C-alpha atoms as a PDB file:
ATOM      1  CA  MET A   1     110.861 101.867 102.729  1.00  0.00           C
ATOM      2  CA  ILE A   2     108.505 104.846 102.561  1.00  0.00           C
ATOM      3  CA  ALA A   3     110.039 106.118  99.334  1.00  0.00           C
ATOM      4  CA  ARG A   4     109.973 102.647  97.811  1.00  0.00           C
ATOM      5  CA  ALA A   5     106.323 102.157  98.810  1.00  0.00           C
ATOM      6  CA  HIS A   6     105.447 105.361  96.949  1.00  0.00           C
ATOM      7  CA  PHE A   7     107.661 104.612  93.943  1.00  0.00           C
ATOM      8  CA  VAL A   8     109.890 107.652  94.459  1.00  0.00           C
ATOM      9  CA  SER A   9     113.535 108.067  95.343  1.00  0.00           C
ATOM     10  CA  THR A  10     114.630 108.903  98.868  1.00  0.00           C
ATOM     11  CA  ARG A  11     115.744 112.292  97.601  1.00  0.00           C
ATOM     12  CA  GLN A  12     112.317 112.981  96.076  1.00  0.00           C
ATOM     13  CA  LEU A  13     110.654 112.038  99.340  1.00  0.00           C
ATOM     14  CA  HIS A  14     112.836 114.438 101.332  1.00  0.00           C
ATOM     15  CA  ARG A  15     112.366 117.137  98.711  1.00  0.00           C
ATOM     16  CA  ALA A  16     108.585 116.826  99.132  1.00  0.00           C
ATOM     17  CA  PHE A  17     109.043 117.818 102.783  1.00  0.00           C
ATOM     18  CA  ALA A  18     111.568 120.592 102.092  1.00  0.00           C
ATOM     19  CA  ASP A  19     109.014 123.405 102.315  1.00  0.00           C
ATOM     20  CA  ALA A  20     107.110 121.879 105.222  1.00  0.00           C
ATOM     21  CA  ALA A  21     107.712 122.678 108.854  1.00  0.00           C
ATOM     22  CA  THR A  22     108.560 119.018 109.497  1.00  0.00           C
ATOM     23  CA  THR A  23     110.596 116.119 108.163  1.00  0.00           C
ATOM     24  CA  VAL A  24     109.821 112.573 107.112  1.00  0.00           C
ATOM     25  CA  GLY A  25     111.409 111.293 110.311  1.00  0.00           C
ATOM     26  CA  ARG A  26     109.307 113.557 112.504  1.00  0.00           C
ATOM     27  CA  VAL A  27     106.095 112.484 110.770  1.00  0.00           C
ATOM     28  CA  VAL A  28     106.998 108.818 111.239  1.00  0.00           C
ATOM     29  CA  ARG A  29     107.871 109.386 114.906  1.00  0.00           C
ATOM     30  CA  GLN A  30     104.618 111.265 115.522  1.00  0.00           C
ATOM     31  CA  ARG A  31     102.557 108.509 113.891  1.00  0.00           C
ATOM     32  CA  ARG A  32     104.330 105.870 115.986  1.00  0.00           C
ATOM     33  CA  LEU A  33     103.655 107.827 119.172  1.00  0.00           C
ATOM     34  CA  GLU A  34      99.993 108.327 118.281  1.00  0.00           C
ATOM     35  CA  HIS A  35      99.671 104.603 117.609  1.00  0.00           C
ATOM     36  CA  GLY A  36     101.250 103.899 121.000  1.00  0.00           C
ATOM     37  CA  ARG A  37      98.901 106.302 122.732  1.00  0.00           C
ATOM     38  CA  ARG A  38      95.875 104.602 121.160  1.00  0.00           C
ATOM     39  CA  GLU A  39      97.127 101.186 122.256  1.00  0.00           C
ATOM     40  CA  LEU A  40      97.787 102.376 125.812  1.00  0.00           C
ATOM     41  CA  ALA A  41      94.263 103.809 126.059  1.00  0.00           C
ATOM     42  CA  ASP A  42      92.593 100.719 124.593  1.00  0.00           C
ATOM     43  CA  PRO A  43      91.110  98.531 127.354  1.00  0.00           C
ATOM     44  CA  ARG A  44      91.404  95.519 125.020  1.00  0.00           C
ATOM     45  CA  ARG A  45      95.218  95.940 125.086  1.00  0.00           C
ATOM     46  CA  THR A  46      95.812  95.637 128.832  1.00  0.00           C
ATOM     47  CA  ASP A  47      97.566  92.334 128.171  1.00  0.00           C
ATOM     48  CA  LEU A  48     100.402  94.286 126.520  1.00  0.00           C
ATOM     49  CA  SER A  49     103.077  95.827 128.699  1.00  0.00           C
ATOM     50  CA  VAL A  50     104.267  99.340 127.945  1.00  0.00           C
ATOM     51  CA  THR A  51     107.438  97.732 126.581  1.00  0.00           C
ATOM     52  CA  ASP A  52     105.348  95.574 124.237  1.00  0.00           C
ATOM     53  CA  VAL A  53     103.517  98.676 123.006  1.00  0.00           C
ATOM     54  CA  ALA A  54     106.819 100.490 122.444  1.00  0.00           C
ATOM     55  CA  LEU A  55     108.218  97.622 120.395  1.00  0.00           C
ATOM     56  CA  ARG A  56     104.993  97.214 118.396  1.00  0.00           C
ATOM     57  CA  CYS A  57     105.199 100.913 117.507  1.00  0.00           C
ATOM     58  CA  GLY A  58     108.714 100.627 116.152  1.00  0.00           C
ATOM     59  CA  PHE A  59     110.755 101.934 119.062  1.00  0.00           C
ATOM     60  CA  ALA A  60     113.992 100.139 119.872  1.00  0.00           C
ATOM     61  CA  ASP A  61     113.314 100.000 123.604  1.00  0.00           C
ATOM     62  CA  LEU A  62     111.120 101.244 126.427  1.00  0.00           C
ATOM     63  CA  ALA A  63     113.451 104.108 127.367  1.00  0.00           C
ATOM     64  CA  ALA A  64     113.344 105.665 123.898  1.00  0.00           C
ATOM     65  CA  PHE A  65     109.547 105.316 123.757  1.00  0.00           C
ATOM     66  CA  SER A  66     109.081 106.753 127.254  1.00  0.00           C
ATOM     67  CA  ARG A  67     111.275 109.781 126.546  1.00  0.00           C
ATOM     68  CA  ALA A  68     109.538 110.531 123.250  1.00  0.00           C
ATOM     69  CA  PHE A  69     106.061 109.934 124.723  1.00  0.00           C
ATOM     70  CA  LYS A  70     106.697 112.227 127.685  1.00  0.00           C
ATOM     71  CA  GLU A  71     108.210 114.915 125.459  1.00  0.00           C
ATOM     72  CA  THR A  72     105.209 114.820 123.136  1.00  0.00           C
ATOM     73  CA  PHE A  73     102.285 114.212 125.507  1.00  0.00           C
ATOM     74  CA  HIS A  74     103.753 115.693 128.731  1.00  0.00           C
ATOM     75  CA  GLU A  75     103.381 112.568 130.847  1.00  0.00           C
ATOM     76  CA  PRO A  76     104.974 109.127 130.971  1.00  0.00           C
ATOM     77  CA  PRO A  77     103.180 106.335 129.093  1.00  0.00           C
ATOM     78  CA  SER A  78     102.443 104.391 132.283  1.00  0.00           C
ATOM     79  CA  THR A  79     100.724 107.441 133.819  1.00  0.00           C
ATOM     80  CA  PHE A  80      98.729 107.962 130.639  1.00  0.00           C
ATOM     81  CA  ARG A  81      97.615 104.314 130.726  1.00  0.00           C
ATOM     82  CA  ARG A  82      96.503 104.571 134.373  1.00  0.00           C
ATOM     83  CA  ARG A  83      94.565 107.800 133.722  1.00  0.00           C
ATOM     84  CA  HIS A  84      92.665 106.178 130.884  1.00  0.00           C
ATOM     85  CA  GLY A  85      91.684 103.170 132.934  1.00  0.00           C
ATOM     86  CA  ALA A  86      93.411 100.648 130.745  1.00  0.00           C
END
């Protein structure tokens, strides 16, 4: 979908990242996690469960989101949400 949105082939998209220290998949994952972190910290989003946030950010389930979130931000998403008062 990313390649199509930019009118390039999948191969061209991956080639563009060949010299970078990251991959397309890692960039997408990082953006999804950052989006999740913003939603968890947003006091207007307290109606959403952590599972809802995970699904809205493109994760298949809460477990996958929680593992990735903790690996990236060094704390579980529920702890992050409590610390930020949301």
